[in-house]
Amino acid sequence: MPPLSEIQERIAYQFSNIALLERALTHKSYANEYRVSYHNERMEFLGDAVLNLAVSEYLMTACPDSTEGDMSKLRAAVVSESALSAVARKIGLGDYILLGRGEEQTGGRDKDSLLANCLEALIASIYLDTGKEAAAAFVVRFFEDMIKRTCASRGALDNKTELQELCQERIKRLPEYKIVSETGPDHQKQFEVEVWIKGILCGRGIGRSKKEAEQRAAKEALKKLIESKGERKLDRH
């Protein structure tokens, strides 16, 4: 693993207590295999809360005309697994994670869920090391562009949520997602998902995770449920 000084340079933050950074980078598989007394799962829990608070505070200023519901959707998009893993890859976080041999062999360093969780733990480590202001500054530094893009795109933030709300409003029934196929090795899985509404196939999506595939299927379904005039309606066949 590269020296911890490198990751501190990448995130432009120097730890007073380096042990917090070491814990944030320690996956449970490593702790179990090498009998280490700590890992980053509890820090993920704290980091999730700190991240949500920091993004919420930023949205209050960045999107002054948004309703509570709008900001909830915006935040959900910004703190999604795919968004977190994208930021983690930008930082190069996967290079620094301590993994057990099994997790290493199955491509753990590039798994969306593992990267997202480790990023949350990293945010928690900064919070514990210095406090809320430093953690919020980290979030703004690496998430600001994404937040701005998300605010600009507004309506298409979380396709699954939007589709669910539409179905509840129109037919009082939730869409159903079905995994059609799962291909590729463990570290490069590709999922194909279908979304069905009232027994009708409304969309398909392919992604590196089930969530990503479901979002893409929901996006296709939403397009089909929008008439040329822009008015949404469900297929009533």
Protein backbone atom coordinates (compact mmCIF):
# COMPACT_ATOMS: atom_id res chain seq x y z
CA MET A 1 0.00 0.00 0.00
CA PRO A 2 1.30 3.52 -0.82
CA PRO A 3 2.33 5.68 2.15
CA LEU A 4 -0.47 7.46 4.00
CA SER A 5 1.24 10.78 3.28
CA GLU A 6 0.09 10.39 -0.34
CA ILE A 7 -3.61 10.05 0.44
CA GLN A 8 -3.35 13.05 2.78
CA GLU A 9 -1.86 15.07 -0.07
CA ARG A 10 -4.61 13.93 -2.41
CA ILE A 11 -7.37 15.05 -0.07
CA ALA A 12 -5.49 18.19 1.06
CA TYR A 13 -5.88 17.28 4.70
CA GLN A 14 -3.22 16.35 7.27
CA PHE A 15 -4.34 14.23 10.20
CA SER A 16 -3.40 15.10 13.75
CA ASN A 17 -4.29 11.54 14.76
CA ILE A 18 -3.10 9.26 11.95
CA ALA A 19 -4.70 6.26 13.67
CA LEU A 20 -8.11 7.61 12.62
CA LEU A 21 -7.07 7.50 8.98
CA GLU A 22 -5.68 3.99 9.37
CA ARG A 23 -8.96 2.81 10.86
CA ALA A 24 -11.00 4.44 8.09
CA LEU A 25 -8.96 2.54 5.50
CA THR A 26 -9.20 -0.85 7.24
CA HIS A 27 -11.85 -3.15 5.81
CA LYS A 28 -13.45 -5.78 7.99
CA SER A 29 -11.96 -8.55 5.84
CA TYR A 30 -8.44 -7.33 6.68
CA ALA A 31 -9.24 -7.04 10.39
CA ASN A 32 -10.62 -10.58 10.49
CA GLU A 33 -7.74 -12.11 8.55
CA TYR A 34 -4.90 -10.34 10.32
CA ARG A 35 -6.54 -10.22 13.77
CA VAL A 36 -6.64 -6.43 13.90
CA SER A 37 -8.86 -5.11 16.69
CA TYR A 38 -10.51 -2.37 14.59
CA HIS A 39 -12.09 -1.77 11.18
CA ASN A 40 -14.12 0.97 9.51
CA GLU A 41 -17.75 -0.23 9.73
CA ARG A 42 -18.74 1.96 12.69
CA MET A 43 -17.02 4.92 11.06
CA GLU A 44 -19.16 4.37 7.95
CA PHE A 45 -22.24 4.95 10.10
CA LEU A 46 -20.92 8.24 11.45
CA GLY A 47 -19.58 9.35 8.08
CA ASP A 48 -22.98 8.82 6.47
CA ALA A 49 -24.57 11.18 9.02
CA VAL A 50 -21.83 13.82 8.63
CA LEU A 51 -22.07 13.64 4.83
CA ASN A 52 -25.85 14.04 4.85
CA LEU A 53 -25.61 17.04 7.16
CA ALA A 54 -22.89 18.73 5.09
CA VAL A 55 -24.77 18.20 1.82
CA SER A 56 -28.04 19.37 3.39
CA GLU A 57 -26.44 22.59 4.61
CA TYR A 58 -24.91 23.22 1.20
CA LEU A 59 -28.22 22.62 -0.58
CA MET A 60 -29.99 25.12 1.67
CA THR A 61 -27.74 27.81 0.19
CA ALA A 62 -27.22 26.47 -3.33
CA CYS A 63 -30.91 25.75 -4.03
CA PRO A 64 -32.85 28.52 -2.23
CA ASP A 65 -36.03 27.97 -4.24
CA SER A 66 -36.22 24.20 -3.68
CA THR A 67 -38.89 22.61 -1.51
CA GLU A 68 -38.10 20.13 1.25
CA GLY A 69 -39.09 17.29 -1.08
CA ASP A 70 -36.89 18.62 -3.86
CA MET A 71 -33.89 18.91 -1.55
CA SER A 72 -34.46 15.39 -0.25
CA LYS A 73 -34.25 14.08 -3.83
CA LEU A 74 -31.20 16.21 -4.56
CA ARG A 75 -29.43 14.95 -1.46
CA ALA A 76 -30.33 11.33 -2.23
CA ALA A 77 -28.74 11.69 -5.66
CA VAL A 78 -25.57 13.29 -4.28
CA VAL A 79 -25.03 10.72 -1.52
CA SER A 80 -25.96 7.66 -3.60
CA GLU A 81 -23.58 4.71 -3.80
CA SER A 82 -22.72 5.49 -7.43
CA ALA A 83 -21.94 9.14 -6.59
CA LEU A 84 -19.81 8.20 -3.57
CA SER A 85 -17.87 5.57 -5.47
CA ALA A 86 -17.21 8.09 -8.26
CA VAL A 87 -15.70 10.53 -5.75
CA ALA A 88 -13.69 7.71 -4.17
CA ARG A 89 -12.25 6.80 -7.58
CA LYS A 90 -11.41 10.45 -8.25
CA ILE A 91 -9.39 10.49 -5.04
CA GLY A 92 -7.83 7.11 -5.80
CA LEU A 93 -9.09 5.80 -2.48
CA GLY A 94 -9.07 2.17 -3.58
CA ASP A 95 -5.26 2.16 -3.66
CA TYR A 96 -5.09 2.74 0.09
CA ILE A 97 -7.72 0.35 1.47
CA LEU A 98 -6.48 -2.56 3.59
CA LEU A 99 -8.24 -5.71 2.39
CA GLY A 100 -8.17 -9.38 3.24
CA ARG A 101 -6.79 -11.71 0.58
CA GLY A 102 -10.20 -12.98 -0.47
CA GLU A 103 -11.63 -9.49 -0.93
CA GLU A 104 -8.48 -8.46 -2.76
CA GLN A 105 -8.73 -11.38 -5.18
CA THR A 106 -12.36 -10.60 -6.03
CA GLY A 107 -11.59 -7.00 -7.00
CA GLY A 108 -12.68 -5.34 -3.78
CA ARG A 109 -10.69 -2.20 -4.55
CA ASP A 110 -13.04 -1.35 -7.39
CA LYS A 111 -16.39 -2.38 -5.87
CA ASP A 112 -18.84 0.51 -5.69
CA SER A 113 -20.19 -0.49 -2.29
CA LEU A 114 -16.76 -0.93 -0.72
CA LEU A 115 -15.46 2.37 -2.12
CA ALA A 116 -18.58 4.25 -1.03
CA ASN A 117 -18.38 2.84 2.49
CA CYS A 118 -14.70 3.64 2.81
CA LEU A 119 -15.30 7.23 1.68
CA GLU A 120 -17.94 7.60 4.40
CA ALA A 121 -15.44 6.26 6.92
CA LEU A 122 -12.86 8.74 5.67
CA ILE A 123 -15.31 11.62 6.20
CA ALA A 124 -15.92 10.34 9.73
CA SER A 125 -12.18 10.18 10.41
CA ILE A 126 -11.78 13.85 9.46
CA TYR A 127 -14.76 14.75 11.64
CA LEU A 128 -13.29 12.90 14.62
CA ASP A 129 -9.83 14.34 14.00
CA THR A 130 -10.76 18.02 13.73
CA GLY A 131 -14.50 18.52 13.78
CA LYS A 132 -17.50 19.41 11.66
CA GLU A 133 -15.98 22.35 9.79
CA ALA A 134 -13.07 20.33 8.41
CA ALA A 135 -15.35 17.45 7.43
CA ALA A 136 -17.80 19.82 5.73
CA ALA A 137 -14.94 21.50 3.89
CA PHE A 138 -13.82 18.10 2.60
CA VAL A 139 -17.36 17.32 1.40
CA VAL A 140 -17.68 20.66 -0.38
CA ARG A 141 -14.24 20.29 -1.98
CA PHE A 142 -15.02 16.92 -3.53
CA PHE A 143 -18.80 17.05 -3.96
CA GLU A 144 -19.44 20.67 -4.96
CA ASP A 145 -19.33 20.13 -8.72
CA MET A 146 -21.62 17.12 -8.41
CA ILE A 147 -24.06 19.06 -6.22
CA LYS A 148 -24.16 21.93 -8.70
CA ARG A 149 -24.78 19.58 -11.62
CA THR A 150 -27.46 17.79 -9.66
CA CYS A 151 -29.19 21.06 -8.73
CA ALA A 152 -29.10 22.13 -12.37
CA SER A 153 -30.68 18.88 -13.60
CA ARG A 154 -33.33 18.88 -10.83
CA GLY A 155 -36.23 16.70 -12.07
CA ALA A 156 -34.13 13.72 -13.18
CA LEU A 157 -32.26 13.25 -9.94
CA ASP A 158 -33.45 9.96 -8.58
CA ASN A 159 -35.35 8.10 -11.25
CA LYS A 160 -36.48 5.28 -8.95
CA THR A 161 -37.97 7.73 -6.46
CA GLU A 162 -39.67 9.74 -9.18
CA LEU A 163 -41.12 6.62 -10.79
CA GLN A 164 -42.32 5.32 -7.42
CA GLU A 165 -44.04 8.60 -6.61
CA LEU A 166 -45.68 8.68 -10.03
CA CYS A 167 -46.99 5.12 -9.67
CA GLN A 168 -48.30 5.78 -6.18
CA GLU A 169 -50.07 8.89 -7.38
CA ARG A 170 -51.64 7.36 -10.48
CA ILE A 171 -52.34 3.72 -9.70
CA LYS A 172 -51.56 3.27 -5.99
CA ARG A 173 -49.13 0.49 -6.86
CA LEU A 174 -45.34 0.31 -6.76
CA PRO A 175 -43.17 -0.65 -9.75
CA GLU A 176 -41.49 -4.06 -9.58
CA TYR A 177 -37.81 -4.59 -10.46
CA LYS A 178 -36.55 -7.93 -11.74
CA ILE A 179 -32.95 -8.97 -12.33
CA VAL A 180 -32.82 -10.45 -15.84
CA SER A 181 -29.14 -11.35 -15.95
CA GLU A 182 -25.93 -11.13 -13.94
CA THR A 183 -22.74 -11.56 -15.95
CA GLY A 184 -18.99 -11.14 -15.55
CA PRO A 185 -16.49 -11.94 -12.78
CA ASP A 186 -17.19 -10.77 -9.23
CA HIS A 187 -15.06 -7.65 -9.58
CA GLN A 188 -16.64 -6.67 -12.92
CA LYS A 189 -20.26 -7.69 -12.56
CA GLN A 190 -22.84 -6.39 -14.99
CA PHE A 191 -26.51 -6.48 -14.09
CA GLU A 192 -29.52 -6.20 -16.38
CA VAL A 193 -32.77 -5.20 -14.68
CA GLU A 194 -36.35 -4.82 -15.90
CA VAL A 195 -39.02 -2.66 -14.30
CA TRP A 196 -42.65 -3.79 -14.52
CA ILE A 197 -45.76 -1.73 -13.78
CA LYS A 198 -49.16 -3.41 -13.55
CA GLY A 199 -47.69 -6.47 -15.25
CA ILE A 200 -46.33 -4.41 -18.15
CA LEU A 201 -42.63 -4.21 -19.00
CA CYS A 202 -41.81 -0.49 -18.94
CA GLY A 203 -38.03 -0.27 -18.91
CA ARG A 204 -34.68 -2.04 -18.97
CA GLY A 205 -31.35 -0.96 -17.57
CA ILE A 206 -27.76 -2.25 -17.42
CA GLY A 207 -25.22 -1.25 -14.80
CA ARG A 208 -22.21 -2.27 -12.70
CA SER A 209 -24.46 -2.61 -9.67
CA LYS A 210 -28.10 -3.55 -9.13
CA LYS A 211 -28.88 -0.01 -8.01
CA GLU A 212 -27.33 1.52 -11.10
CA ALA A 213 -29.23 -0.88 -13.38
CA GLU A 214 -32.49 -0.15 -11.54
CA GLN A 215 -31.97 3.60 -11.90
CA ARG A 216 -31.45 3.23 -15.64
CA ALA A 217 -34.50 1.00 -15.99
CA ALA A 218 -36.56 3.54 -14.05
CA LYS A 219 -35.27 6.34 -16.28
CA GLU A 220 -36.39 4.46 -19.40
CA ALA A 221 -39.79 3.78 -17.82
CA LEU A 222 -40.27 7.45 -17.00
CA LYS A 223 -39.56 8.40 -20.60
CA LYS A 224 -42.22 5.98 -21.79
CA LEU A 225 -44.72 7.42 -19.35
CA ILE A 226 -44.34 10.97 -20.67
CA GLU A 227 -46.52 11.97 -23.59
CA SER A 228 -45.31 14.22 -26.35
CA LYS A 229 -47.03 17.16 -24.65
CA GLY A 230 -44.99 16.47 -21.56
CA GLU A 231 -47.91 15.18 -19.48
CA ARG A 232 -47.16 11.93 -17.63
CA LYS A 233 -49.54 9.05 -17.75
CA LEU A 234 -49.34 5.35 -17.16
CA ASP A 235 -50.08 2.78 -19.78
CA ARG A 236 -53.55 1.56 -18.89
CA HIS A 237 -53.66 -1.56 -21.09
